[in-house]
């Protein structure tokens, strides 16, 4: 039985429901990452005994499933996301924005398909956006390709943000601190491509880099979409 099939127990003596439990868990994760989340800590935040939570959730993984589905609701646009590749573009950008609000999300993306109502709605929206533009196998590979790019790019960006927080060094501070070593290594002549990138490459921010890469991926996907025979 999945967590979605599990009935909720009575709410006495401290009023509890999954909505309150998930909200408390998300708040803990936003503050300290997934490692800050446990059934005991969630119970303490709700001023309830830890055993009370087992009436709603059996394992921490089930709690993570509920948290992930809660944030999946933020992926879906308020109105129609558009048609075709534009819908996938919208979903990708909204996924990144949700991850910036909830950095722990990067640790849960890319696993098995999300089976909660919001996760299923996101999957439905992605597949439906390409319905009729290609056969179903091509549509599935197209969505998987865009998701793979988004997940990888988001994880890289979140990793950089975590490094800034943990070291206290911004990207610019880290570059200055590493400058002498990098200059010495490039001067050996062993890394001509890296030298060209360092000296001649444009410095773009994370949002622009994500958008450019996404455009390239969507262009490649578009070249593979061939409407199935009528």
Protein backbone atom coordinates (compact mmCIF):
# COMPACT_ATOMS: atom_id res chain seq x y z
CA UNK A 1 0.00 0.00 0.00
CA UNK A 2 1.40 3.39 -0.97
CA UNK A 3 1.12 6.43 1.24
CA UNK A 4 -1.57 7.69 -1.15
CA UNK A 5 -3.78 4.69 -0.37
CA UNK A 6 -3.38 4.92 3.40
CA UNK A 7 -6.43 6.24 5.29
CA UNK A 8 -5.92 9.02 7.81
CA UNK A 9 -6.55 8.18 11.48
CA UNK A 10 -8.65 10.23 13.93
CA UNK A 11 -7.15 13.62 14.80
CA UNK A 12 -7.37 13.48 18.61
CA UNK A 13 -5.84 14.60 20.94
CA UNK A 14 -3.63 17.03 18.96
CA UNK A 15 -5.32 17.86 15.63
CA UNK A 16 -3.17 16.36 12.90
CA UNK A 17 -3.56 15.69 9.22
CA UNK A 18 -1.20 15.03 6.34
CA UNK A 19 -1.37 18.63 5.21
CA UNK A 20 0.01 19.90 8.53
CA UNK A 21 2.61 17.14 8.69
CA UNK A 22 3.86 17.84 5.17
CA UNK A 23 3.93 21.61 5.74
CA UNK A 24 6.07 21.13 8.85
CA UNK A 25 8.42 18.75 7.01
CA UNK A 26 8.82 21.14 4.07
CA UNK A 27 9.60 24.00 6.47
CA UNK A 28 12.27 21.89 8.19
CA UNK A 29 13.80 20.93 4.83
CA UNK A 30 13.78 24.54 3.63
CA UNK A 31 15.70 25.49 6.76
CA UNK A 32 18.22 22.67 6.90
CA UNK A 33 17.89 20.30 3.95
CA UNK A 34 16.56 16.74 3.93
CA UNK A 35 18.98 15.77 6.68
CA UNK A 36 17.02 18.09 8.99
CA UNK A 37 13.83 16.09 8.45
CA UNK A 38 12.80 13.19 10.63
CA UNK A 39 9.49 11.99 11.98
CA UNK A 40 10.65 12.95 15.48
CA UNK A 41 11.54 16.50 14.42
CA UNK A 42 8.31 16.94 12.50
CA UNK A 43 6.34 15.70 15.51
CA UNK A 44 8.19 18.13 17.79
CA UNK A 45 7.38 21.04 15.50
CA UNK A 46 3.72 20.04 15.61
CA UNK A 47 3.82 19.53 19.39
CA UNK A 48 2.74 15.93 18.96
CA UNK A 49 4.22 12.59 19.99
CA UNK A 50 6.32 10.88 17.30
CA UNK A 51 4.13 7.78 17.42
CA UNK A 52 1.17 9.88 16.31
CA UNK A 53 2.83 10.41 12.93
CA UNK A 54 3.01 6.67 12.29
CA UNK A 55 -0.75 6.71 11.99
CA UNK A 56 -0.26 8.78 8.82
CA UNK A 57 3.19 7.76 7.54
CA UNK A 58 5.14 4.51 7.95
CA UNK A 59 8.63 5.64 6.87
CA UNK A 60 10.69 8.73 6.22
CA UNK A 61 10.67 7.84 2.52
CA UNK A 62 6.90 8.14 2.52
CA UNK A 63 7.29 11.55 4.12
CA UNK A 64 9.70 12.53 1.34
CA UNK A 65 7.15 11.31 -1.22
CA UNK A 66 4.53 13.59 0.30
CA UNK A 67 6.95 16.54 0.44
CA UNK A 68 7.93 16.04 -3.19
CA UNK A 69 4.32 15.93 -4.30
CA UNK A 70 3.58 19.09 -2.32
CA UNK A 71 6.27 20.96 -4.26
CA UNK A 72 5.22 19.43 -7.57
CA UNK A 73 2.13 21.61 -7.27
CA UNK A 74 4.44 24.59 -7.82
CA UNK A 75 5.57 23.24 -11.20
CA UNK A 76 2.18 23.62 -12.83
CA UNK A 77 1.38 27.10 -14.17
CA UNK A 78 -1.74 28.88 -13.00
CA UNK A 79 -3.19 28.88 -16.51
CA UNK A 80 -2.68 26.75 -19.61
CA UNK A 81 1.09 26.27 -20.06
CA UNK A 82 0.93 26.55 -23.85
CA UNK A 83 1.23 23.93 -26.53
CA UNK A 84 4.00 21.61 -27.58
CA UNK A 85 7.55 22.47 -26.70
CA UNK A 86 6.50 25.76 -25.11
CA UNK A 87 4.70 23.78 -22.40
CA UNK A 88 7.86 21.77 -21.70
CA UNK A 89 9.84 25.00 -21.54
CA UNK A 90 7.40 26.41 -18.98
CA UNK A 91 7.52 23.28 -16.85
CA UNK A 92 11.33 23.24 -16.91
CA UNK A 93 11.62 26.86 -15.79
CA UNK A 94 9.02 26.38 -13.07
CA UNK A 95 10.88 23.29 -11.86
CA UNK A 96 14.07 25.35 -11.55
CA UNK A 97 12.24 28.14 -9.73
CA UNK A 98 10.76 25.64 -7.27
CA UNK A 99 14.20 24.17 -6.63
CA UNK A 100 15.60 27.61 -5.85
CA UNK A 101 12.83 28.04 -3.26
CA UNK A 102 13.33 24.51 -1.94
CA UNK A 103 16.99 23.48 -2.58
CA UNK A 104 16.40 19.99 -1.13
CA UNK A 105 14.21 19.30 -4.15
CA UNK A 106 17.36 18.73 -6.21
CA UNK A 107 18.07 15.60 -4.14
CA UNK A 108 14.69 14.06 -4.98
CA UNK A 109 14.42 14.85 -8.69
CA UNK A 110 15.23 12.23 -11.28
CA UNK A 111 14.22 9.10 -9.40
CA UNK A 112 11.24 6.85 -9.94
CA UNK A 113 8.09 8.50 -11.30
CA UNK A 114 6.17 10.52 -8.73
CA UNK A 115 2.81 8.87 -8.03
CA UNK A 116 1.13 11.59 -5.98
CA UNK A 117 -1.69 13.64 -7.49
CA UNK A 118 0.49 16.64 -8.28
CA UNK A 119 3.32 14.51 -9.66
CA UNK A 120 0.89 12.68 -11.91
CA UNK A 121 -0.57 16.02 -13.04
CA UNK A 122 2.89 17.25 -14.02
CA UNK A 123 3.58 14.04 -15.94
CA UNK A 124 0.21 14.30 -17.66
CA UNK A 125 0.84 17.92 -18.63
CA UNK A 126 4.26 17.09 -20.09
CA UNK A 127 3.05 14.14 -22.16
CA UNK A 128 -0.18 15.84 -23.23
CA UNK A 129 1.77 18.86 -24.50
CA UNK A 130 3.26 16.71 -27.29
CA UNK A 131 0.19 14.58 -27.97
CA UNK A 132 -0.30 14.21 -31.70
CA UNK A 133 3.16 15.61 -32.54
CA UNK A 134 4.78 12.17 -32.61
CA UNK A 135 4.15 8.55 -31.65
CA UNK A 136 3.94 7.84 -27.91
CA UNK A 137 7.44 6.31 -27.65
CA UNK A 138 8.99 9.39 -29.23
CA UNK A 139 6.93 11.64 -26.96
CA UNK A 140 8.13 9.73 -23.88
CA UNK A 141 11.78 9.95 -24.94
CA UNK A 142 11.35 13.67 -25.66
CA UNK A 143 9.95 14.35 -22.19
CA UNK A 144 12.66 12.20 -20.58
CA UNK A 145 15.36 14.13 -22.46
CA UNK A 146 14.08 17.52 -21.33
CA UNK A 147 13.68 16.27 -17.77
CA UNK A 148 17.20 14.85 -17.77
CA UNK A 149 18.65 18.18 -18.87
CA UNK A 150 16.60 20.13 -16.32
CA UNK A 151 17.49 17.81 -13.46
CA UNK A 152 21.21 17.91 -14.24
CA UNK A 153 21.33 21.67 -14.67
CA UNK A 154 19.30 22.25 -11.49
CA UNK A 155 21.50 19.93 -9.44
CA UNK A 156 24.63 21.72 -10.64
CA UNK A 157 23.19 25.13 -9.75
CA UNK A 158 22.03 23.98 -6.33
CA UNK A 159 25.43 22.38 -5.67
CA UNK A 160 27.09 25.73 -6.37
CA UNK A 161 24.67 27.53 -4.06
CA UNK A 162 25.35 24.97 -1.32
CA UNK A 163 29.08 25.44 -1.76
CA UNK A 164 28.64 29.19 -1.34
CA UNK A 165 26.65 28.66 1.85
CA UNK A 166 29.00 26.06 3.32
CA UNK A 167 32.27 27.87 2.52
CA UNK A 168 31.07 31.45 2.88
CA UNK A 169 32.64 32.21 -0.51
CA UNK A 170 30.60 33.58 -3.39
CA UNK A 171 31.41 32.39 -6.89
CA UNK A 172 33.51 35.51 -7.42
CA UNK A 173 35.30 35.05 -4.09
CA UNK A 174 36.07 31.43 -4.93
CA UNK A 175 37.40 32.40 -8.37
CA UNK A 176 39.70 35.00 -6.81
CA UNK A 177 40.90 32.55 -4.17
CA UNK A 178 41.62 29.93 -6.84
CA UNK A 179 43.03 32.36 -9.39
CA UNK A 180 46.73 31.91 -8.64
CA UNK A 181 46.56 28.11 -8.84
CA UNK A 182 44.49 28.15 -12.04
CA UNK A 183 46.83 30.68 -13.68
CA UNK A 184 49.84 28.51 -12.84
CA UNK A 185 48.20 25.39 -14.27
CA UNK A 186 47.08 27.10 -17.48
CA UNK A 187 50.58 28.50 -17.97
CA UNK A 188 51.91 24.96 -18.43
CA UNK A 189 50.27 24.85 -21.87
CA UNK A 190 48.67 21.49 -21.12
CA UNK A 191 45.12 22.87 -21.18
CA UNK A 192 44.69 25.03 -24.30
CA UNK A 193 40.91 24.57 -24.56
CA UNK A 194 40.43 25.52 -20.90
CA UNK A 195 42.75 28.49 -21.34
CA UNK A 196 40.64 29.75 -24.25
CA UNK A 197 37.46 29.28 -22.22
CA UNK A 198 38.85 31.15 -19.22
CA UNK A 199 40.25 34.07 -21.21
CA UNK A 200 37.73 34.40 -24.04
CA UNK A 201 34.53 32.77 -22.81
CA UNK A 202 31.56 34.93 -21.77
CA UNK A 203 30.56 34.85 -18.12
CA UNK A 204 26.79 34.23 -17.94
CA UNK A 205 24.60 33.83 -14.89
CA UNK A 206 22.86 30.59 -13.94
CA UNK A 207 19.46 31.62 -15.27
CA UNK A 208 20.83 32.54 -18.70
CA UNK A 209 22.88 29.35 -18.84
CA UNK A 210 19.83 27.24 -17.97
CA UNK A 211 17.66 28.98 -20.57
CA UNK A 212 20.26 28.63 -23.33
CA UNK A 213 20.85 24.95 -22.67
CA UNK A 214 17.11 24.33 -22.53
CA UNK A 215 16.65 26.07 -25.88
CA UNK A 216 19.27 23.81 -27.45
CA UNK A 217 17.69 20.68 -26.00
CA UNK A 218 14.23 21.70 -27.19
CA UNK A 219 15.59 22.46 -30.67
CA UNK A 220 17.05 18.96 -30.82
CA UNK A 221 13.80 17.43 -29.58
CA UNK A 222 11.79 19.39 -32.16
CA UNK A 223 13.90 17.85 -34.93
CA UNK A 224 12.80 14.40 -33.79
CA UNK A 225 9.07 15.07 -33.66
CA UNK A 226 7.28 13.61 -36.65
CA UNK A 227 3.48 13.32 -36.48
CA UNK A 228 2.37 9.68 -36.62
CA UNK A 229 0.42 8.49 -39.66
CA UNK A 230 -3.27 9.39 -39.56
